[in-house]
Amino acid sequence: MKKVIYCKDVGFDCEGVIRANTEEEAMQQAVTHAREVHGVTDISEEVVSKIKSVMQEE
């Protein structure tokens, strides 16, 4: 099953969707997306926890 993260579920007004084969790949893509699209430079443990909490399986 693929891991899926909907950016709007993390709290952004964004239609971005991340799909990856593993949780690690999904998290890497999410961090890159947050930095490049939303200008988030500090990826705290709180942010990581929030992303993991909304990650779904597809």
C-alpha atoms as a PDB file:
ATOM      1  CA  MET A   1       0.000   0.000   0.000  1.00  0.00           C
ATOM      2  CA  LYS A   2       1.117   3.514  -0.735  1.00  0.00           C
ATOM      3  CA  LYS A   3       1.414   6.182   1.931  1.00  0.00           C
ATOM      4  CA  VAL A   4      -0.561   9.347   1.184  1.00  0.00           C
ATOM      5  CA  ILE A   5      -0.418  12.809   2.738  1.00  0.00           C
ATOM      6  CA  TYR A   6      -2.901  15.531   1.831  1.00  0.00           C
ATOM      7  CA  CYS A   7      -1.251  18.869   2.524  1.00  0.00           C
ATOM      8  CA  LYS A   8      -4.579  20.422   3.568  1.00  0.00           C
ATOM      9  CA  ASP A   9      -4.806  17.806   6.352  1.00  0.00           C
ATOM     10  CA  VAL A  10      -1.581  19.186   7.825  1.00  0.00           C
ATOM     11  CA  GLY A  11      -3.187  22.628   8.018  1.00  0.00           C
ATOM     12  CA  PHE A  12      -2.163  24.393   4.812  1.00  0.00           C
ATOM     13  CA  ASP A  13      -4.549  25.863   2.245  1.00  0.00           C
ATOM     14  CA  CYS A  14      -3.022  23.634  -0.416  1.00  0.00           C
ATOM     15  CA  GLU A  15      -4.264  20.935  -2.746  1.00  0.00           C
ATOM     16  CA  GLY A  16      -0.876  19.145  -2.726  1.00  0.00           C
ATOM     17  CA  VAL A  17      -0.910  15.366  -2.399  1.00  0.00           C
ATOM     18  CA  ILE A  18       2.126  13.240  -1.638  1.00  0.00           C
ATOM     19  CA  ARG A  19       2.195   9.549  -2.518  1.00  0.00           C
ATOM     20  CA  ALA A  20       5.101   7.255  -1.718  1.00  0.00           C
ATOM     21  CA  ASN A  21       5.842   3.579  -1.217  1.00  0.00           C
ATOM     22  CA  THR A  22       7.123   3.965   2.350  1.00  0.00           C
ATOM     23  CA  GLU A  23       6.580   6.255   5.322  1.00  0.00           C
ATOM     24  CA  GLU A  24      10.193   7.430   5.059  1.00  0.00           C
ATOM     25  CA  GLU A  25       9.792   8.438   1.395  1.00  0.00           C
ATOM     26  CA  ALA A  26       6.517  10.203   2.168  1.00  0.00           C
ATOM     27  CA  MET A  27       8.120  12.145   5.011  1.00  0.00           C
ATOM     28  CA  GLN A  28      11.063  13.191   2.827  1.00  0.00           C
ATOM     29  CA  GLN A  29       8.681  14.418   0.138  1.00  0.00           C
ATOM     30  CA  ALA A  30       6.545  16.225   2.730  1.00  0.00           C
ATOM     31  CA  VAL A  31       9.559  18.048   4.183  1.00  0.00           C
ATOM     32  CA  THR A  32      10.716  19.063   0.698  1.00  0.00           C
ATOM     33  CA  HIS A  33       7.198  20.255  -0.184  1.00  0.00           C
ATOM     34  CA  ALA A  34       6.910  22.250   3.053  1.00  0.00           C
ATOM     35  CA  ARG A  35      10.230  23.987   2.403  1.00  0.00           C
ATOM     36  CA  GLU A  36       9.819  24.657  -1.321  1.00  0.00           C
ATOM     37  CA  VAL A  37       6.108  25.479  -1.512  1.00  0.00           C
ATOM     38  CA  HIS A  38       5.296  26.876   1.931  1.00  0.00           C
ATOM     39  CA  GLY A  39       8.651  28.312   3.003  1.00  0.00           C
ATOM     40  CA  VAL A  40       8.751  26.236   6.191  1.00  0.00           C
ATOM     41  CA  THR A  41      12.375  26.187   7.301  1.00  0.00           C
ATOM     42  CA  ASP A  42      12.028  24.711  10.789  1.00  0.00           C
ATOM     43  CA  ILE A  43      10.715  21.154  10.654  1.00  0.00           C
ATOM     44  CA  SER A  44      10.182  20.524  14.355  1.00  0.00           C
ATOM     45  CA  GLU A  45       9.225  17.250  15.995  1.00  0.00           C
ATOM     46  CA  GLU A  46       5.735  18.721  16.378  1.00  0.00           C
ATOM     47  CA  VAL A  47       5.468  19.200  12.607  1.00  0.00           C
ATOM     48  CA  VAL A  48       6.768  15.684  11.978  1.00  0.00           C
ATOM     49  CA  SER A  49       4.201  14.275  14.424  1.00  0.00           C
ATOM     50  CA  LYS A  50       1.378  16.217  12.745  1.00  0.00           C
ATOM     51  CA  ILE A  51       2.371  14.937   9.289  1.00  0.00           C
ATOM     52  CA  LYS A  52       2.575  11.349  10.526  1.00  0.00           C
ATOM     53  CA  SER A  53      -0.800  11.661  12.238  1.00  0.00           C
ATOM     54  CA  VAL A  54      -2.583  12.546   8.975  1.00  0.00           C
ATOM     55  CA  MET A  55      -0.718  10.044   6.768  1.00  0.00           C
ATOM     56  CA  GLN A  56      -3.068   7.534   5.189  1.00  0.00           C
ATOM     57  CA  GLU A  57      -2.700   4.260   3.314  1.00  0.00           C
ATOM     58  CA  GLU A  58      -4.049   3.875  -0.170  1.00  0.00           C
END
